[in-house]
N, C-alpha and C. Protein backbone atom coordinates (compact mmCIF):
# COMPACT_ATOMS: atom_id res chain seq x y z
N UNK A 1 27.46 2.96 -8.82
CA UNK A 1 26.09 3.16 -9.25
C UNK A 1 26.08 4.10 -10.45
N UNK A 2 25.32 3.76 -11.43
CA UNK A 2 25.23 4.55 -12.65
C UNK A 2 24.38 5.80 -12.39
N UNK A 3 24.93 7.01 -12.61
CA UNK A 3 24.15 8.23 -12.36
C UNK A 3 23.01 8.40 -13.36
N UNK A 4 23.03 7.65 -14.43
CA UNK A 4 21.95 7.70 -15.43
C UNK A 4 21.01 6.53 -15.17
N UNK A 5 20.08 6.74 -14.26
CA UNK A 5 19.26 5.65 -13.74
C UNK A 5 18.16 5.21 -14.70
N UNK A 6 17.71 6.08 -15.55
CA UNK A 6 16.60 5.76 -16.43
C UNK A 6 17.09 5.65 -17.86
N UNK A 7 16.46 4.79 -18.64
CA UNK A 7 16.89 4.57 -20.01
C UNK A 7 16.85 5.85 -20.84
N UNK A 8 15.88 6.72 -20.57
CA UNK A 8 15.74 7.94 -21.36
C UNK A 8 16.68 9.05 -20.92
N UNK A 9 17.35 8.89 -19.77
CA UNK A 9 18.29 9.91 -19.31
C UNK A 9 19.50 9.91 -20.24
N UNK A 10 19.84 11.08 -20.72
CA UNK A 10 21.00 11.18 -21.58
C UNK A 10 22.11 12.00 -20.95
N UNK A 11 21.81 12.70 -19.85
CA UNK A 11 22.80 13.54 -19.19
C UNK A 11 22.74 13.32 -17.68
N UNK A 12 23.89 13.47 -17.03
CA UNK A 12 23.90 13.53 -15.58
C UNK A 12 23.49 14.95 -15.19
N UNK A 13 23.21 15.16 -13.91
CA UNK A 13 22.84 16.50 -13.45
C UNK A 13 23.94 17.50 -13.77
N UNK A 14 25.17 17.11 -13.59
CA UNK A 14 26.32 17.99 -13.87
C UNK A 14 26.36 18.42 -15.33
N UNK A 15 25.89 17.57 -16.21
CA UNK A 15 25.94 17.86 -17.65
C UNK A 15 24.80 18.76 -18.12
N UNK A 16 23.78 18.95 -17.28
CA UNK A 16 22.65 19.80 -17.66
C UNK A 16 23.08 21.26 -17.72
N UNK A 17 22.38 22.04 -18.52
CA UNK A 17 22.60 23.49 -18.53
C UNK A 17 22.07 24.06 -17.23
N UNK A 18 22.40 25.29 -16.94
CA UNK A 18 21.91 25.94 -15.73
C UNK A 18 20.39 25.91 -15.69
N UNK A 19 19.76 26.26 -16.82
CA UNK A 19 18.29 26.30 -16.87
C UNK A 19 17.70 24.90 -16.67
N UNK A 20 18.32 23.89 -17.23
CA UNK A 20 17.84 22.52 -17.04
C UNK A 20 18.00 22.09 -15.59
N UNK A 21 19.10 22.51 -14.95
CA UNK A 21 19.28 22.20 -13.53
C UNK A 21 18.21 22.86 -12.69
N UNK A 22 17.87 24.12 -13.01
CA UNK A 22 16.81 24.83 -12.28
C UNK A 22 15.50 24.06 -12.39
N UNK A 23 15.15 23.65 -13.60
CA UNK A 23 13.91 22.91 -13.80
C UNK A 23 13.93 21.59 -13.02
N UNK A 24 15.05 20.90 -13.05
CA UNK A 24 15.16 19.63 -12.34
C UNK A 24 15.03 19.84 -10.83
N UNK A 25 15.67 20.88 -10.31
CA UNK A 25 15.58 21.14 -8.87
C UNK A 25 14.17 21.55 -8.47
N UNK A 26 13.51 22.34 -9.30
CA UNK A 26 12.11 22.72 -9.02
C UNK A 26 11.22 21.49 -9.00
N UNK A 27 11.44 20.59 -9.94
CA UNK A 27 10.64 19.36 -9.98
C UNK A 27 10.91 18.52 -8.73
N UNK A 28 12.16 18.48 -8.30
CA UNK A 28 12.49 17.74 -7.07
C UNK A 28 11.80 18.35 -5.87
N UNK A 29 11.77 19.68 -5.80
CA UNK A 29 11.11 20.37 -4.68
C UNK A 29 9.61 20.07 -4.67
N UNK A 30 8.99 20.09 -5.85
CA UNK A 30 7.56 19.78 -5.93
C UNK A 30 7.30 18.33 -5.54
N UNK A 31 8.19 17.43 -5.98
CA UNK A 31 8.05 16.02 -5.62
C UNK A 31 8.22 15.84 -4.12
N UNK A 32 9.17 16.56 -3.51
CA UNK A 32 9.37 16.48 -2.07
C UNK A 32 8.11 16.94 -1.33
N UNK A 33 7.47 17.99 -1.82
CA UNK A 33 6.24 18.48 -1.20
C UNK A 33 5.17 17.38 -1.22
N UNK A 34 5.01 16.71 -2.36
CA UNK A 34 4.03 15.62 -2.46
C UNK A 34 4.40 14.48 -1.53
N UNK A 35 5.69 14.15 -1.48
CA UNK A 35 6.14 13.07 -0.62
C UNK A 35 5.90 13.40 0.85
N UNK A 36 6.15 14.64 1.22
CA UNK A 36 5.95 15.05 2.61
C UNK A 36 4.48 14.95 3.00
N UNK A 37 3.58 15.38 2.11
CA UNK A 37 2.15 15.26 2.40
C UNK A 37 1.76 13.81 2.60
N UNK A 38 2.26 12.93 1.73
CA UNK A 38 1.95 11.50 1.86
C UNK A 38 2.57 10.94 3.14
N UNK A 39 3.77 11.37 3.46
CA UNK A 39 4.46 10.91 4.66
C UNK A 39 3.68 11.32 5.91
N UNK A 40 3.15 12.55 5.91
CA UNK A 40 2.35 13.01 7.06
C UNK A 40 1.04 12.24 7.17
N UNK A 41 0.42 11.93 6.02
CA UNK A 41 -0.80 11.12 6.06
C UNK A 41 -0.50 9.74 6.65
N UNK A 42 0.65 9.16 6.22
CA UNK A 42 1.03 7.84 6.75
C UNK A 42 1.31 7.94 8.25
N UNK A 43 1.97 9.00 8.67
CA UNK A 43 2.25 9.20 10.10
C UNK A 43 0.94 9.26 10.88
N UNK A 44 -0.05 9.99 10.34
CA UNK A 44 -1.36 10.07 11.01
C UNK A 44 -2.00 8.69 11.11
N UNK A 45 -1.97 7.91 10.02
CA UNK A 45 -2.57 6.58 10.01
C UNK A 45 -1.91 5.65 11.02
N UNK A 46 -0.60 5.82 11.19
CA UNK A 46 0.13 4.94 12.09
C UNK A 46 0.24 5.50 13.51
N UNK A 47 -0.44 6.63 13.76
CA UNK A 47 -0.44 7.21 15.09
C UNK A 47 0.89 7.83 15.50
N UNK A 48 1.68 8.21 14.53
CA UNK A 48 2.97 8.84 14.84
C UNK A 48 2.78 10.35 15.01
N UNK A 49 3.72 10.98 15.63
CA UNK A 49 3.63 12.42 15.90
C UNK A 49 3.95 13.23 14.64
N UNK A 50 2.96 14.00 14.18
CA UNK A 50 3.19 14.90 13.04
C UNK A 50 4.31 15.88 13.36
N UNK A 51 4.30 16.36 14.60
CA UNK A 51 5.32 17.32 15.02
C UNK A 51 6.71 16.73 14.87
N UNK A 52 6.90 15.50 15.35
CA UNK A 52 8.21 14.85 15.25
C UNK A 52 8.62 14.63 13.80
N UNK A 53 7.66 14.22 12.97
CA UNK A 53 7.94 14.00 11.55
C UNK A 53 8.38 15.32 10.90
N UNK A 54 7.64 16.38 11.17
CA UNK A 54 7.98 17.68 10.58
C UNK A 54 9.32 18.19 11.08
N UNK A 55 9.59 18.04 12.35
CA UNK A 55 10.88 18.48 12.89
C UNK A 55 12.02 17.73 12.20
N UNK A 56 11.85 16.44 12.00
CA UNK A 56 12.88 15.63 11.35
C UNK A 56 13.11 16.09 9.91
N UNK A 57 12.04 16.31 9.17
CA UNK A 57 12.18 16.74 7.77
C UNK A 57 12.76 18.16 7.70
N UNK A 58 12.30 19.05 8.58
CA UNK A 58 12.84 20.42 8.59
C UNK A 58 14.32 20.43 8.96
N UNK A 59 14.70 19.55 9.87
CA UNK A 59 16.11 19.45 10.23
C UNK A 59 16.94 19.00 9.03
N UNK A 60 16.42 18.05 8.28
CA UNK A 60 17.11 17.60 7.07
C UNK A 60 17.32 18.76 6.10
N UNK A 61 16.25 19.49 5.82
CA UNK A 61 16.35 20.61 4.89
C UNK A 61 17.25 21.71 5.43
N UNK A 62 17.14 21.99 6.72
CA UNK A 62 17.97 23.02 7.34
C UNK A 62 19.45 22.64 7.24
N UNK A 63 19.77 21.36 7.47
CA UNK A 63 21.16 20.91 7.36
C UNK A 63 21.69 21.09 5.94
N UNK A 64 20.88 20.80 4.96
CA UNK A 64 21.30 20.97 3.57
C UNK A 64 21.54 22.45 3.28
N UNK A 65 20.60 23.31 3.66
CA UNK A 65 20.70 24.73 3.34
C UNK A 65 21.74 25.46 4.19
N UNK A 66 21.96 25.00 5.41
CA UNK A 66 22.94 25.66 6.28
C UNK A 66 24.35 25.62 5.69
N UNK A 67 24.63 24.62 4.87
CA UNK A 67 25.95 24.55 4.23
C UNK A 67 26.21 25.77 3.35
N UNK A 68 25.15 26.45 2.91
CA UNK A 68 25.29 27.58 1.99
C UNK A 68 24.86 28.90 2.61
N UNK A 69 24.39 28.87 3.85
CA UNK A 69 23.85 30.08 4.49
C UNK A 69 24.87 31.20 4.58
N UNK A 70 26.14 30.86 4.77
CA UNK A 70 27.15 31.91 4.89
C UNK A 70 27.38 32.65 3.58
N UNK A 71 26.86 32.12 2.48
CA UNK A 71 26.99 32.78 1.17
C UNK A 71 25.88 33.79 0.93
N UNK A 72 24.91 33.84 1.83
CA UNK A 72 23.79 34.76 1.72
C UNK A 72 24.01 35.89 2.72
N UNK A 73 23.91 37.14 2.26
CA UNK A 73 24.20 38.28 3.13
C UNK A 73 23.13 38.49 4.19
N UNK A 74 21.90 38.12 3.91
CA UNK A 74 20.82 38.32 4.86
C UNK A 74 20.28 36.96 5.29
N UNK A 75 19.76 36.86 6.50
CA UNK A 75 19.21 35.58 6.95
C UNK A 75 18.09 35.11 6.03
N UNK A 76 18.02 33.82 5.80
CA UNK A 76 16.99 33.27 4.91
C UNK A 76 15.60 33.67 5.37
N UNK A 77 15.39 33.76 6.69
CA UNK A 77 14.06 34.10 7.20
C UNK A 77 13.64 35.51 6.81
N UNK A 78 14.60 36.39 6.43
CA UNK A 78 14.25 37.75 6.04
C UNK A 78 14.10 37.91 4.53
N UNK A 79 14.42 36.87 3.77
CA UNK A 79 14.29 36.94 2.31
C UNK A 79 12.81 36.94 1.95
N UNK A 80 12.42 37.84 1.06
CA UNK A 80 11.03 37.91 0.64
C UNK A 80 10.71 36.75 -0.29
N UNK A 81 9.69 35.99 0.04
CA UNK A 81 9.27 34.87 -0.77
C UNK A 81 7.91 35.21 -1.36
N UNK A 82 7.80 35.07 -2.68
CA UNK A 82 6.56 35.37 -3.37
C UNK A 82 5.55 34.27 -3.10
N UNK A 83 4.34 34.67 -2.73
CA UNK A 83 3.27 33.71 -2.54
C UNK A 83 2.76 33.29 -3.91
N UNK A 84 2.20 32.09 -3.98
CA UNK A 84 1.73 31.56 -5.27
C UNK A 84 0.71 32.49 -5.93
N UNK A 85 -0.08 33.19 -5.13
CA UNK A 85 -1.14 34.04 -5.69
C UNK A 85 -0.64 35.39 -6.15
N UNK A 86 0.60 35.76 -5.79
CA UNK A 86 1.13 37.06 -6.19
C UNK A 86 1.58 37.02 -7.64
N UNK A 87 1.13 37.99 -8.44
CA UNK A 87 1.56 38.01 -9.85
C UNK A 87 3.02 38.45 -9.97
N UNK A 88 3.65 38.03 -11.06
CA UNK A 88 5.02 38.43 -11.33
C UNK A 88 5.03 39.53 -12.37
N UNK A 89 5.97 40.45 -12.21
CA UNK A 89 6.13 41.49 -13.22
C UNK A 89 6.91 40.91 -14.38
N UNK A 90 6.92 41.56 -15.54
CA UNK A 90 7.69 41.06 -16.68
C UNK A 90 9.18 40.91 -16.37
N UNK A 91 9.70 41.69 -15.41
CA UNK A 91 11.12 41.59 -15.06
C UNK A 91 11.41 40.44 -14.12
N UNK A 92 10.37 39.73 -13.67
CA UNK A 92 10.55 38.57 -12.81
C UNK A 92 10.25 38.82 -11.35
N UNK A 93 10.11 40.07 -10.92
CA UNK A 93 9.79 40.36 -9.52
C UNK A 93 8.31 40.34 -9.28
N UNK A 94 7.93 40.53 -8.03
CA UNK A 94 6.50 40.58 -7.72
C UNK A 94 5.99 41.99 -7.98
N UNK A 95 4.72 42.08 -8.27
CA UNK A 95 4.10 43.39 -8.53
C UNK A 95 3.60 44.01 -7.26
């Protein structure tokens, strides 16, 4: 399979700069959020369990992230996550 799926793609993910990879991963995360919302709406329409759908998706994400958890000194649940409404300082941290 060709890793350059779209005609306008000129680089594979590996060929992107670090900053370009960050942007691509952020876009993927935002797309996943939209897909999950649509998936939950579909589950509701089809009478499926939202709980089961969420557990399945969370398990997927947990499996992906668990591969790297040992590289983090503190548990992910204790990492401070900035809320969307919190402003950022010029140095990049929250105010």
